[in-house]
Amino acid sequence: MKAVYSSLNLVETHHLKNVLAAAGIRSRIKNEDLVRLAGEIPFPECSLQLLVERAEDYPAAEALVRDFLKPRPQPGPSWRCGACGETSEGQFTACWSCGRDRG
């Protein structure tokens, strides 16, 4: 088995494992018990490792991880709904209050 991802972030590592599973790629996480010792033992020895079980799945898994790690564009500024006047954050395309499209 070959590691496709390494981190101290348990939530992120489990999320990536689920992303791989949704794509039909079997994987497992190594060092779940050791990650709590970060700082007491060196990072490379205790970091979580996401291991791909089948070598033929590794390229696809690597692409999925690379896509996950790509920087995402930041949402634009807040905007005011033309129908009800409510303010919504930039990432929303419809008013949370009345449902009108941002337009």
C-alpha atoms as a PDB file:
ATOM      1  CA  MET A   1       0.000   0.000   0.000  1.00  0.00           C
ATOM      2  CA  LYS A   2       1.199   3.469  -0.876  1.00  0.00           C
ATOM      3  CA  ALA A   3       0.390   6.714   0.984  1.00  0.00           C
ATOM      4  CA  VAL A   4      -1.480   9.253  -1.112  1.00  0.00           C
ATOM      5  CA  TYR A   5      -1.852  11.841   1.689  1.00  0.00           C
ATOM      6  CA  SER A   6      -0.275  12.646   5.053  1.00  0.00           C
ATOM      7  CA  SER A   7      -1.506  15.086   7.703  1.00  0.00           C
ATOM      8  CA  LEU A   8      -2.122  15.703  11.402  1.00  0.00           C
ATOM      9  CA  ASN A   9      -5.728  16.707  10.639  1.00  0.00           C
ATOM     10  CA  LEU A  10      -7.963  13.746  11.487  1.00  0.00           C
ATOM     11  CA  VAL A  11     -11.179  15.272  10.094  1.00  0.00           C
ATOM     12  CA  GLU A  12      -9.594  16.199   6.766  1.00  0.00           C
ATOM     13  CA  THR A  13      -7.975  12.774   6.410  1.00  0.00           C
ATOM     14  CA  HIS A  14     -11.286  10.986   7.066  1.00  0.00           C
ATOM     15  CA  HIS A  15     -13.028  13.295   4.595  1.00  0.00           C
ATOM     16  CA  LEU A  16     -10.490  12.396   1.913  1.00  0.00           C
ATOM     17  CA  LYS A  17     -10.945   8.699   2.712  1.00  0.00           C
ATOM     18  CA  ASN A  18     -14.684   9.195   2.091  1.00  0.00           C
ATOM     19  CA  VAL A  19     -13.967  11.047  -1.170  1.00  0.00           C
ATOM     20  CA  LEU A  20     -11.871   8.099  -2.335  1.00  0.00           C
ATOM     21  CA  ALA A  21     -14.544   5.612  -1.245  1.00  0.00           C
ATOM     22  CA  ALA A  22     -17.183   7.525  -3.226  1.00  0.00           C
ATOM     23  CA  ALA A  23     -14.957   7.076  -6.290  1.00  0.00           C
ATOM     24  CA  GLY A  24     -14.683   3.338  -5.629  1.00  0.00           C
ATOM     25  CA  ILE A  25     -11.124   3.526  -4.288  1.00  0.00           C
ATOM     26  CA  ARG A  26     -10.443   1.445  -1.188  1.00  0.00           C
ATOM     27  CA  SER A  27      -8.077   2.998   1.343  1.00  0.00           C
ATOM     28  CA  ARG A  28      -7.242   2.957   5.014  1.00  0.00           C
ATOM     29  CA  ILE A  29      -5.772   5.384   7.542  1.00  0.00           C
ATOM     30  CA  LYS A  30      -2.536   4.567   9.317  1.00  0.00           C
ATOM     31  CA  ASN A  31      -1.375   6.106  12.636  1.00  0.00           C
ATOM     32  CA  GLU A  32      -4.781   7.123  14.017  1.00  0.00           C
ATOM     33  CA  ASP A  33      -3.598   6.338  17.543  1.00  0.00           C
ATOM     34  CA  LEU A  34      -0.175   7.952  17.130  1.00  0.00           C
ATOM     35  CA  VAL A  35      -1.455  11.312  15.849  1.00  0.00           C
ATOM     36  CA  ARG A  36      -2.266  12.321  19.449  1.00  0.00           C
ATOM     37  CA  LEU A  37       1.446  12.224  20.228  1.00  0.00           C
ATOM     38  CA  ALA A  38       2.311  14.985  17.754  1.00  0.00           C
ATOM     39  CA  GLY A  39       4.877  17.235  19.385  1.00  0.00           C
ATOM     40  CA  GLU A  40       6.154  14.462  21.611  1.00  0.00           C
ATOM     41  CA  ILE A  41       7.411  12.359  18.733  1.00  0.00           C
ATOM     42  CA  PRO A  42       8.534  13.597  15.287  1.00  0.00           C
ATOM     43  CA  PHE A  43       5.828  14.509  12.772  1.00  0.00           C
ATOM     44  CA  PRO A  44       6.825  11.915  10.138  1.00  0.00           C
ATOM     45  CA  GLU A  45       6.406   9.134  12.704  1.00  0.00           C
ATOM     46  CA  CYS A  46       2.973  10.146  13.999  1.00  0.00           C
ATOM     47  CA  SER A  47       1.227  11.815  11.058  1.00  0.00           C
ATOM     48  CA  LEU A  48      -1.868  10.211   9.636  1.00  0.00           C
ATOM     49  CA  GLN A  49      -1.292   8.462   6.338  1.00  0.00           C
ATOM     50  CA  LEU A  50      -4.039   7.722   3.852  1.00  0.00           C
ATOM     51  CA  LEU A  51      -3.035   4.499   2.132  1.00  0.00           C
ATOM     52  CA  VAL A  52      -4.493   3.307  -1.168  1.00  0.00           C
ATOM     53  CA  GLU A  53      -5.022  -0.450  -1.071  1.00  0.00           C
ATOM     54  CA  ARG A  54      -4.626  -1.233  -4.786  1.00  0.00           C
ATOM     55  CA  ALA A  55      -1.663   0.111  -6.770  1.00  0.00           C
ATOM     56  CA  GLU A  56      -3.796   0.546  -9.898  1.00  0.00           C
ATOM     57  CA  ASP A  57      -6.051   3.012  -8.004  1.00  0.00           C
ATOM     58  CA  TYR A  58      -3.167   5.246  -6.930  1.00  0.00           C
ATOM     59  CA  PRO A  59      -3.158   7.638  -9.953  1.00  0.00           C
ATOM     60  CA  ALA A  60      -6.902   8.298  -9.608  1.00  0.00           C
ATOM     61  CA  ALA A  61      -6.561   8.746  -5.835  1.00  0.00           C
ATOM     62  CA  GLU A  62      -3.674  11.147  -6.330  1.00  0.00           C
ATOM     63  CA  ALA A  63      -5.780  13.223  -8.742  1.00  0.00           C
ATOM     64  CA  LEU A  64      -8.675  13.375  -6.258  1.00  0.00           C
ATOM     65  CA  VAL A  65      -6.366  14.486  -3.437  1.00  0.00           C
ATOM     66  CA  ARG A  66      -4.729  17.088  -5.684  1.00  0.00           C
ATOM     67  CA  ASP A  67      -8.177  18.461  -6.601  1.00  0.00           C
ATOM     68  CA  PHE A  68      -9.164  18.573  -2.919  1.00  0.00           C
ATOM     69  CA  LEU A  69      -6.020  20.530  -2.029  1.00  0.00           C
ATOM     70  CA  LYS A  70      -6.468  23.102  -4.821  1.00  0.00           C
ATOM     71  CA  PRO A  71      -7.064  26.602  -3.473  1.00  0.00           C
ATOM     72  CA  ARG A  72     -10.701  27.614  -3.742  1.00  0.00           C
ATOM     73  CA  PRO A  73     -11.698  31.119  -4.824  1.00  0.00           C
ATOM     74  CA  GLN A  74     -12.813  33.352  -1.988  1.00  0.00           C
ATOM     75  CA  PRO A  75     -16.462  34.436  -2.033  1.00  0.00           C
ATOM     76  CA  GLY A  76     -17.260  37.930  -3.219  1.00  0.00           C
ATOM     77  CA  PRO A  77     -18.581  40.703  -1.018  1.00  0.00           C
ATOM     78  CA  SER A  78     -21.940  40.599   0.724  1.00  0.00           C
ATOM     79  CA  TRP A  79     -24.948  41.667  -1.345  1.00  0.00           C
ATOM     80  CA  ARG A  80     -28.396  43.094  -0.643  1.00  0.00           C
ATOM     81  CA  CYS A  81     -31.545  41.429  -2.000  1.00  0.00           C
ATOM     82  CA  GLY A  82     -33.516  43.642  -4.388  1.00  0.00           C
ATOM     83  CA  ALA A  83     -36.832  42.150  -3.231  1.00  0.00           C
ATOM     84  CA  CYS A  84     -36.672  42.110   0.573  1.00  0.00           C
ATOM     85  CA  GLY A  85     -33.517  44.136   1.322  1.00  0.00           C
ATOM     86  CA  GLU A  86     -31.883  41.343   3.353  1.00  0.00           C
ATOM     87  CA  THR A  87     -28.081  41.077   3.266  1.00  0.00           C
ATOM     88  CA  SER A  88     -26.506  37.756   2.255  1.00  0.00           C
ATOM     89  CA  GLU A  89     -22.867  36.692   2.182  1.00  0.00           C
ATOM     90  CA  GLY A  90     -21.063  36.612  -1.155  1.00  0.00           C
ATOM     91  CA  GLN A  91     -21.040  32.824  -1.605  1.00  0.00           C
ATOM     92  CA  PHE A  92     -24.839  32.662  -1.776  1.00  0.00           C
ATOM     93  CA  THR A  93     -26.610  32.919  -5.130  1.00  0.00           C
ATOM     94  CA  ALA A  94     -30.096  33.350  -3.672  1.00  0.00           C
ATOM     95  CA  CYS A  95     -31.493  35.355  -0.762  1.00  0.00           C
ATOM     96  CA  TRP A  96     -31.664  33.262   2.399  1.00  0.00           C
ATOM     97  CA  SER A  97     -34.778  35.167   3.522  1.00  0.00           C
ATOM     98  CA  CYS A  98     -37.077  35.261   0.483  1.00  0.00           C
ATOM     99  CA  GLY A  99     -35.349  32.925  -1.989  1.00  0.00           C
ATOM    100  CA  ARG A 100     -34.963  35.434  -4.801  1.00  0.00           C
ATOM    101  CA  ASP A 101     -31.989  34.848  -7.130  1.00  0.00           C
ATOM    102  CA  ARG A 102     -29.069  37.199  -6.705  1.00  0.00           C
ATOM    103  CA  GLY A 103     -29.500  38.371 -10.292  1.00  0.00           C
END
